[in-house]
C-alpha atoms as a PDB file:
ATOM      1  CA  UNK A   1       4.291 -12.598  -3.489  1.00  0.00           C
ATOM      2  CA  UNK A   2       4.259 -16.187  -4.331  1.00  0.00           C
ATOM      3  CA  UNK A   3       2.516 -15.609  -7.744  1.00  0.00           C
ATOM      4  CA  UNK A   4       5.463 -13.544  -8.722  1.00  0.00           C
ATOM      5  CA  UNK A   5       8.420 -15.990  -7.765  1.00  0.00           C
ATOM      6  CA  UNK A   6       8.448 -18.687  -5.641  1.00  0.00           C
ATOM      7  CA  UNK A   7      10.649 -18.007  -2.502  1.00  0.00           C
ATOM      8  CA  UNK A   8      11.489 -19.433   0.579  1.00  0.00           C
ATOM      9  CA  UNK A   9      11.137 -17.613   4.024  1.00  0.00           C
ATOM     10  CA  UNK A  10      14.639 -16.943   4.232  1.00  0.00           C
ATOM     11  CA  UNK A  11      14.855 -15.411   0.686  1.00  0.00           C
ATOM     12  CA  UNK A  12      11.789 -13.221   1.283  1.00  0.00           C
ATOM     13  CA  UNK A  13      13.213 -11.901   4.687  1.00  0.00           C
ATOM     14  CA  UNK A  14      16.524 -11.028   3.103  1.00  0.00           C
ATOM     15  CA  UNK A  15      14.651  -9.243   0.210  1.00  0.00           C
ATOM     16  CA  UNK A  16      12.469  -7.411   2.382  1.00  0.00           C
ATOM     17  CA  UNK A  17      14.945  -6.361   4.938  1.00  0.00           C
ATOM     18  CA  UNK A  18      17.798  -5.337   2.886  1.00  0.00           C
ATOM     19  CA  UNK A  19      16.385  -4.095  -0.527  1.00  0.00           C
ATOM     20  CA  UNK A  20      13.568  -2.442   1.133  1.00  0.00           C
ATOM     21  CA  UNK A  21      15.270  -0.975   3.958  1.00  0.00           C
ATOM     22  CA  UNK A  22      17.923   0.426   1.831  1.00  0.00           C
ATOM     23  CA  UNK A  23      15.378   1.604  -0.792  1.00  0.00           C
ATOM     24  CA  UNK A  24      13.226   3.435   1.873  1.00  0.00           C
ATOM     25  CA  UNK A  25      15.970   5.144   3.831  1.00  0.00           C
ATOM     26  CA  UNK A  26      17.560   6.381   0.788  1.00  0.00           C
ATOM     27  CA  UNK A  27      14.323   7.787  -0.612  1.00  0.00           C
ATOM     28  CA  UNK A  28      13.509   9.289   2.742  1.00  0.00           C
ATOM     29  CA  UNK A  29      16.858  10.778   3.157  1.00  0.00           C
ATOM     30  CA  UNK A  30      16.245  12.322  -0.350  1.00  0.00           C
ATOM     31  CA  UNK A  31      12.771  13.497   0.397  1.00  0.00           C
ATOM     32  CA  UNK A  32      11.245  11.385  -2.414  1.00  0.00           C
ATOM     33  CA  UNK A  33       7.910   9.740  -1.873  1.00  0.00           C
ATOM     34  CA  UNK A  34       7.909   5.913  -2.245  1.00  0.00           C
ATOM     35  CA  UNK A  35       5.685   3.114  -1.857  1.00  0.00           C
ATOM     36  CA  UNK A  36       6.588   0.226   0.591  1.00  0.00           C
ATOM     37  CA  UNK A  37       4.738  -2.198  -1.602  1.00  0.00           C
ATOM     38  CA  UNK A  38       6.608  -1.230  -4.792  1.00  0.00           C
ATOM     39  CA  UNK A  39       9.855  -1.386  -2.802  1.00  0.00           C
ATOM     40  CA  UNK A  40       9.105  -4.914  -1.459  1.00  0.00           C
ATOM     41  CA  UNK A  41       7.774  -6.400  -4.628  1.00  0.00           C
ATOM     42  CA  UNK A  42      10.616  -4.968  -6.482  1.00  0.00           C
ATOM     43  CA  UNK A  43      13.025  -6.343  -4.033  1.00  0.00           C
ATOM     44  CA  UNK A  44      11.271 -10.087  -4.650  1.00  0.00           C
ATOM     45  CA  UNK A  45      11.494  -9.662  -8.275  1.00  0.00           C
ATOM     46  CA  UNK A  46      15.239  -8.864  -7.873  1.00  0.00           C
ATOM     47  CA  UNK A  47      15.991 -11.574  -5.450  1.00  0.00           C
ATOM     48  CA  UNK A  48      14.326 -14.100  -7.958  1.00  0.00           C
ATOM     49  CA  UNK A  49      15.987 -12.729 -10.886  1.00  0.00           C
ATOM     50  CA  UNK A  50      19.473 -13.008  -9.255  1.00  0.00           C
ATOM     51  CA  UNK A  51      18.825 -16.891  -8.848  1.00  0.00           C
ATOM     52  CA  UNK A  52      17.930 -16.992 -12.803  1.00  0.00           C
ATOM     53  CA  UNK A  53      15.497 -14.864 -14.572  1.00  0.00           C
ATOM     54  CA  UNK A  54      13.182 -17.690 -15.626  1.00  0.00           C
ATOM     55  CA  UNK A  55      12.349 -17.851 -11.820  1.00  0.00           C
ATOM     56  CA  UNK A  56      10.384 -14.725 -11.990  1.00  0.00           C
ATOM     57  CA  UNK A  57       6.656 -15.054 -13.521  1.00  0.00           C
ATOM     58  CA  UNK A  58       7.321 -12.102 -15.946  1.00  0.00           C
ATOM     59  CA  UNK A  59       3.702 -12.182 -17.152  1.00  0.00           C
ATOM     60  CA  UNK A  60       2.337 -11.515 -13.649  1.00  0.00           C
ATOM     61  CA  UNK A  61       5.359  -9.153 -12.869  1.00  0.00           C
ATOM     62  CA  UNK A  62       4.405  -7.191 -16.131  1.00  0.00           C
ATOM     63  CA  UNK A  63       0.902  -7.009 -14.890  1.00  0.00           C
ATOM     64  CA  UNK A  64       1.796  -5.563 -11.672  1.00  0.00           C
ATOM     65  CA  UNK A  65       3.817  -2.904 -13.285  1.00  0.00           C
ATOM     66  CA  UNK A  66       0.778  -2.006 -15.591  1.00  0.00           C
ATOM     67  CA  UNK A  67      -1.500  -1.670 -12.667  1.00  0.00           C
ATOM     68  CA  UNK A  68       1.219   0.805 -10.983  1.00  0.00           C
ATOM     69  CA  UNK A  69       1.151   2.883 -14.272  1.00  0.00           C
ATOM     70  CA  UNK A  70      -2.380   2.903 -14.603  1.00  0.00           C
ATOM     71  CA  UNK A  71      -3.443   3.616 -10.951  1.00  0.00           C
ATOM     72  CA  UNK A  72      -2.331   7.401 -10.883  1.00  0.00           C
ATOM     73  CA  UNK A  73      -4.569   8.265 -14.270  1.00  0.00           C
ATOM     74  CA  UNK A  74      -7.313   5.914 -13.104  1.00  0.00           C
ATOM     75  CA  UNK A  75      -7.514   7.294  -9.590  1.00  0.00           C
ATOM     76  CA  UNK A  76      -7.381  11.071 -11.090  1.00  0.00           C
ATOM     77  CA  UNK A  77     -10.247  10.441 -13.548  1.00  0.00           C
ATOM     78  CA  UNK A  78     -12.379   8.820 -10.918  1.00  0.00           C
ATOM     79  CA  UNK A  79     -11.617  11.677  -8.516  1.00  0.00           C
ATOM     80  CA  UNK A  80     -12.391  14.339 -10.995  1.00  0.00           C
ATOM     81  CA  UNK A  81     -15.593  12.717 -12.433  1.00  0.00           C
ATOM     82  CA  UNK A  82     -16.685  12.497  -8.531  1.00  0.00           C
ATOM     83  CA  UNK A  83     -15.740  16.211  -7.871  1.00  0.00           C
ATOM     84  CA  UNK A  84     -17.682  17.382 -11.126  1.00  0.00           C
ATOM     85  CA  UNK A  85     -21.000  15.292 -10.045  1.00  0.00           C
ATOM     86  CA  UNK A  86     -20.863  16.478  -6.393  1.00  0.00           C
ATOM     87  CA  UNK A  87     -20.234  19.848  -7.279  1.00  0.00           C
ATOM     88  CA  UNK A  88     -23.072  19.855  -9.722  1.00  0.00           C
ATOM     89  CA  UNK A  89     -25.329  18.107  -6.918  1.00  0.00           C
ATOM     90  CA  UNK A  90     -24.358  20.093  -4.031  1.00  0.00           C
ATOM     91  CA  UNK A  91     -24.092  23.738  -5.543  1.00  0.00           C
ATOM     92  CA  UNK A  92     -25.892  26.242  -3.850  1.00  0.00           C
ATOM     93  CA  UNK A  93     -27.538  28.515  -6.434  1.00  0.00           C
END
């Protein structure tokens, strides 16, 4: 996470324990699936932006968000192609 925002140990612990725990408990109570990685990354960016917005390396944060957005369609495409190939190779005629 040091690449997104330079943090000290205490700031990182506060970000992970407070924002991470509250977000995860809320999502669990509502039955919403959530990623701990996303929650913790968001908490660190949030802590960094409260100090000052320029403390966050927005270019890296933007690449992380794009990776999150592209992960689901990319994994769907890969699994679909894998299923299609294997179903053709293993089909019993």
